[in-house]
């Protein structure tokens, strides 16, 4: 299914690994911080995490850009413990939502975390973020007790998903084409990264919604 581009929105995008402190990523994380502050009155400071926490092979951060290089969305994973990857910094700009970018980012992060040795993923979002919660539920995430000290249980929603039992189409999932080990557009994967160096979506192919997850 190919979705028509909305007026004023560029339908082609590329996704590639980027440092956590790259300018495009930094601006998106600041936008995420501002949205969460306006929604809940508080938010985690992006500066509390370091780029080294998301460096391959024990992590990864992804940046989605439009045809003109505009940063559209991002997300990353890092190890929470020896077997659990934590998904962090999931964000899609408002004008780029409803195009499945959030889903695409999450699927690629999960696949890379699994290749890195993770057997499960965990993440946090807020009670008011209905679109993100719907996305995570659709991909098999289940609620758990907050795993970060000091979280407000009236606001915080922590979720967990096991990776070992997930096949390419488990729980309605669609295996991202750029996760194939060979014949991938963009050349060989970067060191420590199990997927293609760059993933390209032309003319808005995709399904579902693109919320601002977490």
N, C-alpha and C. Protein backbone atom coordinates (compact mmCIF):
# COMPACT_ATOMS: atom_id res chain seq x y z
N UNK A 1 0.85 -1.19 0.00
CA UNK A 1 0.00 0.00 0.00
C UNK A 1 0.88 1.23 0.00
N UNK A 2 0.64 2.14 -0.94
CA UNK A 2 1.39 3.37 -1.01
C UNK A 2 0.48 4.53 -0.65
N UNK A 3 0.93 5.34 0.31
CA UNK A 3 0.14 6.47 0.75
C UNK A 3 0.53 7.71 -0.04
N UNK A 4 -0.46 8.51 -0.39
CA UNK A 4 -0.18 9.76 -1.10
C UNK A 4 0.45 10.76 -0.14
N UNK A 5 1.33 11.56 -0.66
CA UNK A 5 1.99 12.56 0.18
C UNK A 5 1.00 13.65 0.56
N UNK A 6 1.07 14.08 1.81
CA UNK A 6 0.24 15.20 2.23
C UNK A 6 0.82 16.49 1.66
N UNK A 7 -0.02 17.48 1.39
CA UNK A 7 0.48 18.75 0.86
C UNK A 7 1.54 19.34 1.77
N UNK A 8 2.64 19.76 1.19
CA UNK A 8 3.69 20.42 1.96
C UNK A 8 4.64 19.48 2.65
N UNK A 9 4.41 18.16 2.53
CA UNK A 9 5.30 17.21 3.20
C UNK A 9 6.05 16.38 2.18
N UNK A 10 7.35 16.27 2.35
CA UNK A 10 8.16 15.48 1.44
C UNK A 10 8.00 14.01 1.78
N UNK A 11 7.63 13.21 0.78
CA UNK A 11 7.29 11.82 1.05
C UNK A 11 8.49 10.91 1.08
N UNK A 12 9.60 11.30 0.48
CA UNK A 12 10.79 10.45 0.49
C UNK A 12 11.62 10.75 1.71
N UNK A 13 12.16 9.69 2.31
CA UNK A 13 13.01 9.88 3.47
C UNK A 13 14.11 8.85 3.49
N UNK A 14 15.15 9.15 4.22
CA UNK A 14 16.24 8.21 4.43
C UNK A 14 16.47 8.04 5.92
N UNK A 15 16.93 6.87 6.29
CA UNK A 15 17.22 6.56 7.69
C UNK A 15 18.64 6.02 7.77
N UNK A 16 19.43 6.54 8.70
CA UNK A 16 20.81 6.10 8.82
C UNK A 16 21.27 6.26 10.27
N UNK A 17 22.27 5.49 10.68
CA UNK A 17 22.85 5.70 12.02
C UNK A 17 23.43 7.10 12.14
N UNK A 18 23.31 7.67 13.33
CA UNK A 18 23.86 9.00 13.61
C UNK A 18 24.28 9.05 15.07
N UNK A 19 25.31 9.79 15.39
CA UNK A 19 25.69 9.94 16.80
C UNK A 19 24.57 10.60 17.60
N UNK A 20 24.48 10.24 18.85
CA UNK A 20 23.46 10.82 19.73
C UNK A 20 23.60 12.33 19.82
N UNK A 21 24.82 12.83 19.69
CA UNK A 21 25.04 14.27 19.80
C UNK A 21 25.15 14.97 18.44
N UNK A 22 24.74 14.31 17.36
CA UNK A 22 24.73 14.95 16.05
C UNK A 22 23.73 16.10 16.05
N UNK A 23 23.98 17.17 15.30
CA UNK A 23 23.09 18.33 15.34
C UNK A 23 21.63 18.01 15.06
N UNK A 24 21.35 17.20 14.03
CA UNK A 24 19.97 16.87 13.72
C UNK A 24 19.29 16.10 14.83
N UNK A 25 20.00 15.14 15.41
CA UNK A 25 19.46 14.37 16.54
C UNK A 25 19.23 15.30 17.73
N UNK A 26 20.21 16.15 18.01
CA UNK A 26 20.12 17.05 19.17
C UNK A 26 18.87 17.92 19.09
N UNK A 27 18.58 18.47 17.90
CA UNK A 27 17.41 19.33 17.77
C UNK A 27 16.12 18.55 17.98
N UNK A 28 16.05 17.34 17.44
CA UNK A 28 14.85 16.53 17.64
C UNK A 28 14.64 16.19 19.10
N UNK A 29 15.72 15.88 19.81
CA UNK A 29 15.60 15.56 21.24
C UNK A 29 15.17 16.77 22.05
N UNK A 30 15.62 17.96 21.64
CA UNK A 30 15.16 19.18 22.30
C UNK A 30 13.67 19.41 22.03
N UNK A 31 13.22 19.12 20.80
CA UNK A 31 11.80 19.23 20.48
C UNK A 31 10.98 18.24 21.31
N UNK A 32 11.50 17.02 21.43
CA UNK A 32 10.83 16.01 22.28
C UNK A 32 10.74 16.50 23.72
N UNK A 33 11.84 17.05 24.23
CA UNK A 33 11.87 17.57 25.59
C UNK A 33 10.82 18.66 25.78
N UNK A 34 10.72 19.58 24.83
CA UNK A 34 9.74 20.67 24.93
C UNK A 34 8.31 20.15 24.90
N UNK A 35 8.04 19.16 24.04
CA UNK A 35 6.69 18.61 23.98
C UNK A 35 6.31 17.91 25.27
N UNK A 36 7.25 17.16 25.84
CA UNK A 36 6.94 16.46 27.08
C UNK A 36 6.76 17.44 28.24
N UNK A 37 7.53 18.50 28.27
CA UNK A 37 7.35 19.52 29.31
C UNK A 37 5.98 20.18 29.19
N UNK A 38 5.56 20.46 27.96
CA UNK A 38 4.26 21.08 27.79
C UNK A 38 3.12 20.12 28.12
N UNK A 39 3.37 18.82 27.95
CA UNK A 39 2.34 17.82 28.20
C UNK A 39 2.23 17.45 29.68
N UNK A 40 3.39 17.33 30.34
CA UNK A 40 3.40 16.82 31.71
C UNK A 40 3.95 17.81 32.74
N UNK A 41 4.59 18.87 32.27
CA UNK A 41 5.18 19.83 33.20
C UNK A 41 6.61 19.50 33.57
N UNK A 42 7.13 18.39 33.08
CA UNK A 42 8.51 17.98 33.34
C UNK A 42 8.93 17.01 32.25
N UNK A 43 10.23 16.80 32.12
CA UNK A 43 10.76 15.86 31.12
C UNK A 43 12.22 15.58 31.43
N UNK A 44 12.71 14.43 30.99
CA UNK A 44 14.12 14.11 31.13
C UNK A 44 14.95 15.04 30.25
N UNK A 45 16.11 15.41 30.75
CA UNK A 45 17.03 16.25 30.00
C UNK A 45 17.84 15.37 29.04
N UNK A 46 17.83 15.65 27.73
CA UNK A 46 18.62 14.84 26.79
C UNK A 46 20.10 14.79 27.15
N UNK A 47 20.58 15.82 27.83
CA UNK A 47 21.99 15.88 28.20
C UNK A 47 22.36 14.87 29.28
N UNK A 48 21.36 14.25 29.89
CA UNK A 48 21.64 13.24 30.92
C UNK A 48 22.20 11.95 30.33
N UNK A 49 22.02 11.75 29.04
CA UNK A 49 22.58 10.58 28.35
C UNK A 49 23.79 11.03 27.53
N UNK A 50 24.71 10.10 27.29
CA UNK A 50 25.91 10.42 26.52
C UNK A 50 25.91 9.66 25.20
N UNK A 51 26.63 10.20 24.23
CA UNK A 51 26.71 9.56 22.92
C UNK A 51 27.30 8.17 23.01
N UNK A 52 28.22 7.96 23.94
CA UNK A 52 28.88 6.65 24.05
C UNK A 52 27.90 5.54 24.42
N UNK A 53 26.80 5.88 25.09
CA UNK A 53 25.82 4.87 25.48
C UNK A 53 25.10 4.26 24.28
N UNK A 54 25.09 4.98 23.16
CA UNK A 54 24.38 4.52 21.97
C UNK A 54 25.35 4.14 20.84
N UNK A 55 26.61 3.99 21.17
CA UNK A 55 27.60 3.68 20.15
C UNK A 55 27.60 2.18 19.84
N UNK A 56 27.58 1.80 18.55
CA UNK A 56 27.69 0.38 18.18
C UNK A 56 29.00 -0.21 18.70
N UNK A 57 29.03 -1.49 19.04
CA UNK A 57 27.95 -2.47 18.82
C UNK A 57 26.99 -2.62 19.99
N UNK A 58 27.13 -1.81 21.02
CA UNK A 58 26.29 -1.95 22.21
C UNK A 58 25.21 -0.87 22.27
N UNK A 59 24.82 -0.41 21.11
CA UNK A 59 23.78 0.58 21.01
C UNK A 59 23.70 1.11 19.58
N UNK A 60 22.72 1.95 19.34
CA UNK A 60 22.56 2.53 18.01
C UNK A 60 21.60 3.69 18.11
N UNK A 61 21.88 4.76 17.38
CA UNK A 61 20.90 5.84 17.25
C UNK A 61 20.64 6.07 15.78
N UNK A 62 19.37 6.25 15.43
CA UNK A 62 18.96 6.41 14.05
C UNK A 62 18.36 7.79 13.83
N UNK A 63 18.65 8.35 12.67
CA UNK A 63 18.10 9.65 12.28
C UNK A 63 17.40 9.51 10.94
N UNK A 64 16.16 9.97 10.87
CA UNK A 64 15.41 9.99 9.63
C UNK A 64 15.43 11.42 9.09
N UNK A 65 15.76 11.54 7.80
CA UNK A 65 15.81 12.85 7.16
C UNK A 65 14.97 12.87 5.89
N UNK A 66 14.43 14.04 5.57
CA UNK A 66 13.70 14.22 4.34
C UNK A 66 14.63 14.49 3.18
N UNK A 67 14.03 14.70 2.02
CA UNK A 67 14.82 14.90 0.81
C UNK A 67 15.75 16.10 0.88
N UNK A 68 15.34 17.10 1.64
CA UNK A 68 16.17 18.30 1.75
C UNK A 68 17.11 18.27 2.94
N UNK A 69 17.21 17.10 3.59
CA UNK A 69 18.09 16.95 4.73
C UNK A 69 17.48 17.33 6.06
N UNK A 70 16.21 17.72 6.07
CA UNK A 70 15.55 18.09 7.31
C UNK A 70 15.39 16.88 8.22
N UNK A 71 15.72 17.03 9.48
CA UNK A 71 15.56 15.95 10.46
C UNK A 71 14.07 15.75 10.74
N UNK A 72 13.59 14.52 10.52
CA UNK A 72 12.17 14.21 10.68
C UNK A 72 11.88 13.37 11.90
N UNK A 73 12.79 12.48 12.27
CA UNK A 73 12.53 11.59 13.38
C UNK A 73 13.80 10.90 13.84
N UNK A 74 13.73 10.31 15.02
CA UNK A 74 14.91 9.64 15.56
C UNK A 74 14.50 8.62 16.61
N UNK A 75 15.46 7.84 17.04
CA UNK A 75 15.28 6.87 18.10
C UNK A 75 16.56 6.08 18.28
N UNK A 76 16.74 5.52 19.45
CA UNK A 76 17.95 4.76 19.71
C UNK A 76 17.72 3.64 20.70
N UNK A 77 18.74 2.80 20.83
CA UNK A 77 18.71 1.77 21.87
C UNK A 77 20.07 1.71 22.54
N UNK A 78 20.06 1.30 23.79
CA UNK A 78 21.26 1.07 24.58
C UNK A 78 20.96 -0.06 25.54
N UNK A 79 21.99 -0.69 26.04
CA UNK A 79 21.77 -1.79 26.99
C UNK A 79 21.38 -1.24 28.35
N UNK A 80 20.30 -1.80 28.87
CA UNK A 80 19.85 -1.49 30.23
C UNK A 80 20.52 -2.44 31.22
N UNK A 81 20.69 -3.68 30.80
CA UNK A 81 21.47 -4.67 31.53
C UNK A 81 22.04 -5.62 30.49
N UNK A 82 22.55 -6.76 30.90
CA UNK A 82 23.27 -7.62 29.96
C UNK A 82 22.39 -8.20 28.86
N UNK A 83 21.07 -8.25 29.07
CA UNK A 83 20.18 -8.87 28.09
C UNK A 83 19.04 -7.98 27.63
N UNK A 84 18.86 -6.84 28.26
CA UNK A 84 17.72 -5.98 27.95
C UNK A 84 18.18 -4.68 27.32
N UNK A 85 17.64 -4.38 26.15
CA UNK A 85 17.92 -3.11 25.47
C UNK A 85 16.83 -2.11 25.83
N UNK A 86 17.22 -0.89 26.08
CA UNK A 86 16.26 0.18 26.36
C UNK A 86 16.12 1.07 25.13
N UNK A 87 14.89 1.26 24.68
CA UNK A 87 14.59 2.15 23.56
C UNK A 87 14.45 3.56 24.11
N UNK A 88 15.17 4.51 23.51
CA UNK A 88 15.18 5.88 24.02
C UNK A 88 15.04 6.88 22.86
N UNK A 89 14.56 8.06 23.20
CA UNK A 89 14.57 9.17 22.27
C UNK A 89 13.71 8.98 21.03
N UNK A 90 12.64 8.20 21.13
CA UNK A 90 11.76 8.00 19.98
C UNK A 90 10.94 9.28 19.75
N UNK A 91 11.11 9.85 18.58
CA UNK A 91 10.40 11.10 18.29
C UNK A 91 10.24 11.28 16.79
N UNK A 92 9.05 11.74 16.38
CA UNK A 92 8.78 12.09 15.00
C UNK A 92 8.16 13.49 14.99
N UNK A 93 8.69 14.36 14.15
CA UNK A 93 8.17 15.73 14.08
C UNK A 93 6.68 15.72 13.70
N UNK A 94 5.90 16.66 14.24
CA UNK A 94 4.45 16.65 13.99
C UNK A 94 4.08 16.57 12.52
N UNK A 95 4.77 17.30 11.65
CA UNK A 95 4.41 17.32 10.24
C UNK A 95 4.77 16.03 9.51
N UNK A 96 5.55 15.15 10.17
CA UNK A 96 5.95 13.89 9.54
C UNK A 96 5.21 12.69 10.13
N UNK A 97 4.26 12.93 11.00
CA UNK A 97 3.52 11.82 11.61
C UNK A 97 2.46 11.26 10.66
N UNK A 98 1.89 10.15 11.05
CA UNK A 98 0.91 9.41 10.23
C UNK A 98 1.54 8.88 8.95
N UNK A 99 2.85 8.57 9.00
CA UNK A 99 3.53 8.01 7.84
C UNK A 99 4.31 6.75 8.22
N UNK A 100 4.06 6.20 9.39
CA UNK A 100 4.71 4.97 9.86
C UNK A 100 6.19 5.14 10.21
N UNK A 101 6.69 6.35 10.33
CA UNK A 101 8.10 6.52 10.65
C UNK A 101 8.43 5.99 12.04
N UNK A 102 7.56 6.24 13.01
CA UNK A 102 7.81 5.72 14.35
C UNK A 102 7.92 4.22 14.36
N UNK A 103 7.04 3.56 13.63
CA UNK A 103 7.07 2.09 13.54
C UNK A 103 8.34 1.62 12.85
N UNK A 104 8.71 2.28 11.76
CA UNK A 104 9.91 1.88 11.03
C UNK A 104 11.16 2.02 11.90
N UNK A 105 11.27 3.11 12.61
CA UNK A 105 12.42 3.31 13.50
C UNK A 105 12.46 2.21 14.55
N UNK A 106 11.34 1.94 15.19
CA UNK A 106 11.31 0.96 16.27
C UNK A 106 11.66 -0.44 15.77
N UNK A 107 11.13 -0.84 14.62
CA UNK A 107 11.44 -2.16 14.09
C UNK A 107 12.94 -2.33 13.83
N UNK A 108 13.56 -1.31 13.31
CA UNK A 108 15.00 -1.38 13.01
C UNK A 108 15.82 -1.40 14.30
N UNK A 109 15.39 -0.63 15.29
CA UNK A 109 16.10 -0.64 16.57
C UNK A 109 16.01 -2.01 17.23
N UNK A 110 14.82 -2.60 17.21
CA UNK A 110 14.64 -3.93 17.80
C UNK A 110 15.53 -4.96 17.11
N UNK A 111 15.54 -4.93 15.79
CA UNK A 111 16.33 -5.91 15.04
C UNK A 111 17.81 -5.75 15.33
N UNK A 112 18.29 -4.51 15.41
CA UNK A 112 19.70 -4.29 15.69
C UNK A 112 20.05 -4.71 17.12
N UNK A 113 19.15 -4.41 18.07
CA UNK A 113 19.38 -4.82 19.45
C UNK A 113 19.44 -6.34 19.57
N UNK A 114 18.57 -7.02 18.84
CA UNK A 114 18.59 -8.49 18.86
C UNK A 114 19.89 -9.03 18.31
N UNK A 115 20.37 -8.44 17.21
CA UNK A 115 21.66 -8.84 16.65
C UNK A 115 22.79 -8.54 17.63
N UNK A 116 22.62 -7.53 18.45
CA UNK A 116 23.63 -7.17 19.43
C UNK A 116 23.61 -8.03 20.68
N UNK A 117 22.65 -8.96 20.77
CA UNK A 117 22.61 -9.88 21.90
C UNK A 117 21.48 -9.65 22.87
N UNK A 118 20.64 -8.65 22.65
CA UNK A 118 19.52 -8.40 23.55
C UNK A 118 18.43 -9.44 23.35
N UNK A 119 17.81 -9.86 24.44
CA UNK A 119 16.70 -10.80 24.36
C UNK A 119 15.36 -10.12 24.59
N UNK A 120 15.38 -8.86 24.99
CA UNK A 120 14.14 -8.12 25.21
C UNK A 120 14.42 -6.63 25.13
N UNK A 121 13.35 -5.86 24.98
CA UNK A 121 13.46 -4.41 24.99
C UNK A 121 12.50 -3.84 26.03
N UNK A 122 12.86 -2.70 26.57
CA UNK A 122 12.01 -1.95 27.47
C UNK A 122 12.04 -0.48 27.06
N UNK A 123 10.96 0.21 27.40
CA UNK A 123 10.89 1.63 27.09
C UNK A 123 9.89 2.30 28.02
N UNK A 124 9.90 3.62 27.97
CA UNK A 124 8.98 4.42 28.76
C UNK A 124 8.27 5.42 27.86
N UNK A 125 7.04 5.72 28.21
CA UNK A 125 6.33 6.83 27.60
C UNK A 125 5.38 7.37 28.66
N UNK A 126 4.53 8.32 28.28
CA UNK A 126 3.63 8.92 29.25
C UNK A 126 2.19 8.52 29.01
N UNK A 127 1.37 8.62 30.04
CA UNK A 127 -0.01 8.19 29.99
C UNK A 127 -0.81 8.97 28.95
N UNK A 128 -0.42 10.21 28.69
CA UNK A 128 -1.17 11.04 27.74
C UNK A 128 -0.78 10.77 26.29
N UNK A 129 0.24 9.99 26.07
CA UNK A 129 0.71 9.73 24.70
C UNK A 129 -0.01 8.52 24.13
N UNK A 130 -1.26 8.71 23.79
CA UNK A 130 -2.11 7.59 23.35
C UNK A 130 -1.60 6.97 22.06
N UNK A 131 -1.11 7.78 21.13
CA UNK A 131 -0.65 7.24 19.85
C UNK A 131 0.56 6.33 20.05
N UNK A 132 1.50 6.76 20.89
CA UNK A 132 2.67 5.92 21.16
C UNK A 132 2.27 4.63 21.84
N UNK A 133 1.39 4.71 22.82
CA UNK A 133 0.94 3.51 23.52
C UNK A 133 0.26 2.54 22.55
N UNK A 134 -0.51 3.06 21.62
CA UNK A 134 -1.16 2.20 20.64
C UNK A 134 -0.14 1.52 19.74
N UNK A 135 0.88 2.26 19.32
CA UNK A 135 1.94 1.67 18.50
C UNK A 135 2.63 0.54 19.24
N UNK A 136 3.02 0.78 20.48
CA UNK A 136 3.74 -0.23 21.24
C UNK A 136 2.87 -1.46 21.49
N UNK A 137 1.61 -1.25 21.80
CA UNK A 137 0.71 -2.40 21.99
C UNK A 137 0.61 -3.22 20.71
N UNK A 138 0.53 -2.54 19.57
CA UNK A 138 0.39 -3.25 18.29
C UNK A 138 1.60 -4.11 17.97
N UNK A 139 2.75 -3.79 18.57
CA UNK A 139 3.97 -4.54 18.33
C UNK A 139 4.30 -5.50 19.48
N UNK A 140 3.35 -5.72 20.37
CA UNK A 140 3.51 -6.75 21.38
C UNK A 140 4.09 -6.30 22.70
N UNK A 141 4.20 -5.01 22.93
CA UNK A 141 4.72 -4.52 24.21
C UNK A 141 3.65 -4.66 25.29
N UNK A 142 4.11 -5.05 26.49
CA UNK A 142 3.22 -5.24 27.63
C UNK A 142 3.64 -4.34 28.78
N UNK A 143 2.68 -3.85 29.56
CA UNK A 143 3.01 -2.95 30.68
C UNK A 143 3.76 -3.67 31.79
N UNK A 144 4.71 -2.96 32.38
CA UNK A 144 5.46 -3.45 33.53
C UNK A 144 5.55 -2.32 34.56
N UNK A 145 6.02 -2.67 35.75
CA UNK A 145 6.26 -1.65 36.77
C UNK A 145 7.38 -0.72 36.31
N UNK A 146 7.25 0.56 36.63
CA UNK A 146 8.28 1.52 36.27
C UNK A 146 9.64 1.04 36.75
N UNK A 147 10.63 1.08 35.88
CA UNK A 147 11.96 0.56 36.22
C UNK A 147 12.97 1.67 36.51
N UNK A 148 12.54 2.93 36.39
CA UNK A 148 13.39 4.05 36.74
C UNK A 148 12.94 4.62 38.08
N UNK A 149 13.85 4.76 39.05
CA UNK A 149 13.47 5.31 40.35
C UNK A 149 12.90 6.72 40.23
N UNK A 150 11.91 6.99 41.05
CA UNK A 150 11.36 8.33 41.13
C UNK A 150 10.32 8.67 40.09
N UNK A 151 9.92 7.73 39.25
CA UNK A 151 8.91 8.01 38.25
C UNK A 151 7.53 8.17 38.91
N UNK A 152 6.73 9.06 38.38
CA UNK A 152 5.37 9.27 38.86
C UNK A 152 4.47 8.20 38.26
N UNK A 153 3.92 7.31 39.07
CA UNK A 153 3.11 6.21 38.51
C UNK A 153 1.84 6.69 37.83
N UNK A 154 1.40 7.91 38.12
CA UNK A 154 0.22 8.44 37.46
C UNK A 154 0.53 8.90 36.03
N UNK A 155 1.81 9.08 35.73
CA UNK A 155 2.22 9.57 34.42
C UNK A 155 3.01 8.53 33.65
N UNK A 156 3.98 7.91 34.30
CA UNK A 156 4.90 7.00 33.63
C UNK A 156 4.23 5.70 33.21
N UNK A 157 4.53 5.28 31.99
CA UNK A 157 4.09 3.97 31.51
C UNK A 157 5.32 3.25 30.98
N UNK A 158 5.71 2.17 31.65
CA UNK A 158 6.85 1.37 31.24
C UNK A 158 6.34 0.12 30.54
N UNK A 159 7.06 -0.29 29.49
CA UNK A 159 6.61 -1.41 28.65
C UNK A 159 7.78 -2.32 28.33
N UNK A 160 7.47 -3.59 28.08
CA UNK A 160 8.49 -4.61 27.85
C UNK A 160 8.06 -5.48 26.67
N UNK A 161 9.05 -5.93 25.88
CA UNK A 161 8.77 -6.84 24.78
C UNK A 161 9.90 -7.85 24.64
N UNK A 162 9.58 -9.12 24.62
CA UNK A 162 10.58 -10.15 24.38
C UNK A 162 10.94 -10.22 22.91
N UNK A 163 12.21 -10.38 22.60
CA UNK A 163 12.66 -10.40 21.21
C UNK A 163 12.87 -11.80 20.65
N UNK A 164 13.16 -12.78 21.49
CA UNK A 164 13.56 -14.09 21.00
C UNK A 164 12.46 -14.77 20.21
N UNK A 165 11.20 -14.57 20.60
CA UNK A 165 10.10 -15.26 19.95
C UNK A 165 9.56 -14.50 18.74
N UNK A 166 10.13 -13.33 18.46
CA UNK A 166 9.60 -12.51 17.38
C UNK A 166 10.19 -12.91 16.04
N UNK A 167 9.36 -13.42 15.16
CA UNK A 167 9.78 -13.66 13.79
C UNK A 167 9.50 -12.43 12.95
N UNK A 168 9.76 -12.50 11.64
CA UNK A 168 9.57 -11.34 10.78
C UNK A 168 8.15 -10.79 10.77
N UNK A 169 7.14 -11.66 10.98
CA UNK A 169 5.78 -11.19 10.92
C UNK A 169 5.04 -11.43 12.23
N UNK A 170 5.75 -11.69 13.32
CA UNK A 170 5.09 -11.95 14.60
C UNK A 170 4.32 -10.72 15.05
N UNK A 171 3.18 -10.95 15.67
CA UNK A 171 2.35 -9.89 16.23
C UNK A 171 2.07 -8.78 15.21
N UNK A 172 1.85 -9.20 13.95
CA UNK A 172 1.54 -8.23 12.93
C UNK A 172 2.72 -7.42 12.45
N UNK A 173 3.93 -7.85 12.76
CA UNK A 173 5.12 -7.11 12.38
C UNK A 173 5.46 -7.35 10.92
N UNK A 174 6.16 -6.39 10.35
CA UNK A 174 6.64 -6.51 8.98
C UNK A 174 8.15 -6.34 9.02
N UNK A 175 8.88 -7.32 8.54
CA UNK A 175 10.34 -7.24 8.58
C UNK A 175 10.83 -6.12 7.68
N UNK A 176 11.60 -5.14 8.20
CA UNK A 176 12.12 -4.08 7.35
C UNK A 176 13.04 -4.64 6.28
N UNK A 177 12.85 -4.22 5.02
CA UNK A 177 13.66 -4.75 3.93
C UNK A 177 15.12 -4.44 4.11
N UNK A 178 15.45 -3.34 4.81
CA UNK A 178 16.84 -2.96 4.91
C UNK A 178 17.58 -3.78 5.97
N UNK A 179 16.91 -4.76 6.58
CA UNK A 179 17.59 -5.60 7.55
C UNK A 179 18.22 -6.82 6.90
N UNK A 180 18.09 -6.96 5.61
CA UNK A 180 18.73 -8.08 4.93
C UNK A 180 20.24 -7.88 4.93
N UNK A 181 21.01 -8.94 5.15
CA UNK A 181 22.45 -8.78 5.27
C UNK A 181 23.16 -8.47 3.96
N UNK A 182 22.55 -8.74 2.83
CA UNK A 182 23.20 -8.47 1.55
C UNK A 182 22.24 -7.78 0.62
N UNK A 183 22.79 -7.16 -0.42
CA UNK A 183 21.97 -6.53 -1.44
C UNK A 183 21.19 -5.35 -0.95
N UNK A 184 21.77 -4.57 -0.02
CA UNK A 184 21.05 -3.48 0.59
C UNK A 184 21.51 -2.16 0.01
N UNK A 185 20.56 -1.29 -0.26
CA UNK A 185 20.92 0.02 -0.78
C UNK A 185 21.78 0.75 0.25
N UNK A 186 22.82 1.40 -0.20
CA UNK A 186 23.63 2.20 0.70
C UNK A 186 24.94 1.56 1.07
N UNK A 187 25.21 0.31 0.64
CA UNK A 187 26.50 -0.29 0.91
C UNK A 187 26.52 -1.13 2.17
N UNK A 188 27.73 -1.43 2.63
CA UNK A 188 27.91 -2.32 3.77
C UNK A 188 27.51 -1.62 5.06
N UNK A 189 27.03 -2.39 6.06
CA UNK A 189 26.68 -1.80 7.34
C UNK A 189 27.91 -1.24 8.04
N UNK A 190 27.72 -0.22 8.90
CA UNK A 190 28.84 0.29 9.67
C UNK A 190 29.29 -0.73 10.70
N UNK A 191 30.49 -0.57 11.23
CA UNK A 191 31.03 -1.53 12.19
C UNK A 191 30.10 -1.68 13.37
N UNK A 192 29.79 -2.94 13.70
CA UNK A 192 28.95 -3.22 14.85
C UNK A 192 27.47 -3.07 14.61
N UNK A 193 27.07 -2.69 13.43
CA UNK A 193 25.66 -2.48 13.15
C UNK A 193 25.16 -3.59 12.23
N UNK A 194 24.03 -4.23 12.59
CA UNK A 194 23.58 -5.38 11.85
C UNK A 194 22.68 -5.09 10.68
N UNK A 195 22.44 -3.83 10.36
CA UNK A 195 21.56 -3.54 9.24
C UNK A 195 22.24 -2.58 8.29
N UNK A 196 21.52 -2.21 7.24
CA UNK A 196 22.13 -1.41 6.19
C UNK A 196 22.56 -0.05 6.66
N UNK A 197 23.54 0.51 6.00
CA UNK A 197 24.05 1.83 6.34
C UNK A 197 22.99 2.88 6.13
N UNK A 198 22.15 2.69 5.16
CA UNK A 198 21.11 3.68 4.90
C UNK A 198 19.87 2.97 4.38
N UNK A 199 18.71 3.42 4.81
CA UNK A 199 17.45 2.85 4.37
C UNK A 199 16.67 3.96 3.68
N UNK A 200 16.08 3.67 2.56
CA UNK A 200 15.39 4.69 1.81
C UNK A 200 13.95 4.29 1.57
N UNK A 201 13.04 5.23 1.78
CA UNK A 201 11.64 5.03 1.47
C UNK A 201 11.27 6.07 0.42
N UNK A 202 10.84 5.63 -0.77
CA UNK A 202 10.46 6.55 -1.83
C UNK A 202 8.95 6.66 -1.91
N UNK A 203 8.47 7.86 -2.02
CA UNK A 203 7.06 8.18 -2.22
C UNK A 203 6.16 7.64 -1.14
N UNK A 204 6.66 7.60 0.07
CA UNK A 204 5.77 7.38 1.21
C UNK A 204 5.24 6.00 1.38
N UNK A 205 5.93 4.95 0.96
CA UNK A 205 5.44 3.61 1.21
C UNK A 205 5.42 3.31 2.69
N UNK A 206 4.37 2.69 3.20
CA UNK A 206 4.33 2.38 4.62
C UNK A 206 2.89 2.27 5.08
N UNK A 207 2.73 1.77 6.30
CA UNK A 207 1.39 1.57 6.82
C UNK A 207 1.34 2.04 8.26
N UNK A 208 0.12 2.24 8.74
CA UNK A 208 -0.07 2.56 10.14
C UNK A 208 0.09 4.04 10.41
N UNK A 209 0.49 4.35 11.65
CA UNK A 209 0.61 5.74 12.08
C UNK A 209 2.02 6.02 12.55
N UNK A 210 2.38 7.27 12.56
CA UNK A 210 3.68 7.70 13.05
C UNK A 210 3.48 8.64 14.23
N UNK A 211 3.31 8.09 15.43
CA UNK A 211 3.13 8.94 16.59
C UNK A 211 4.45 9.51 17.07
N UNK A 212 4.38 10.24 18.15
CA UNK A 212 5.59 10.64 18.84
C UNK A 212 5.76 9.66 19.98
N UNK A 213 6.45 8.52 19.77
CA UNK A 213 6.53 7.51 20.80
C UNK A 213 7.56 7.87 21.86
N UNK A 214 7.15 8.03 23.06
CA UNK A 214 8.03 8.23 24.18
C UNK A 214 8.83 9.47 24.07
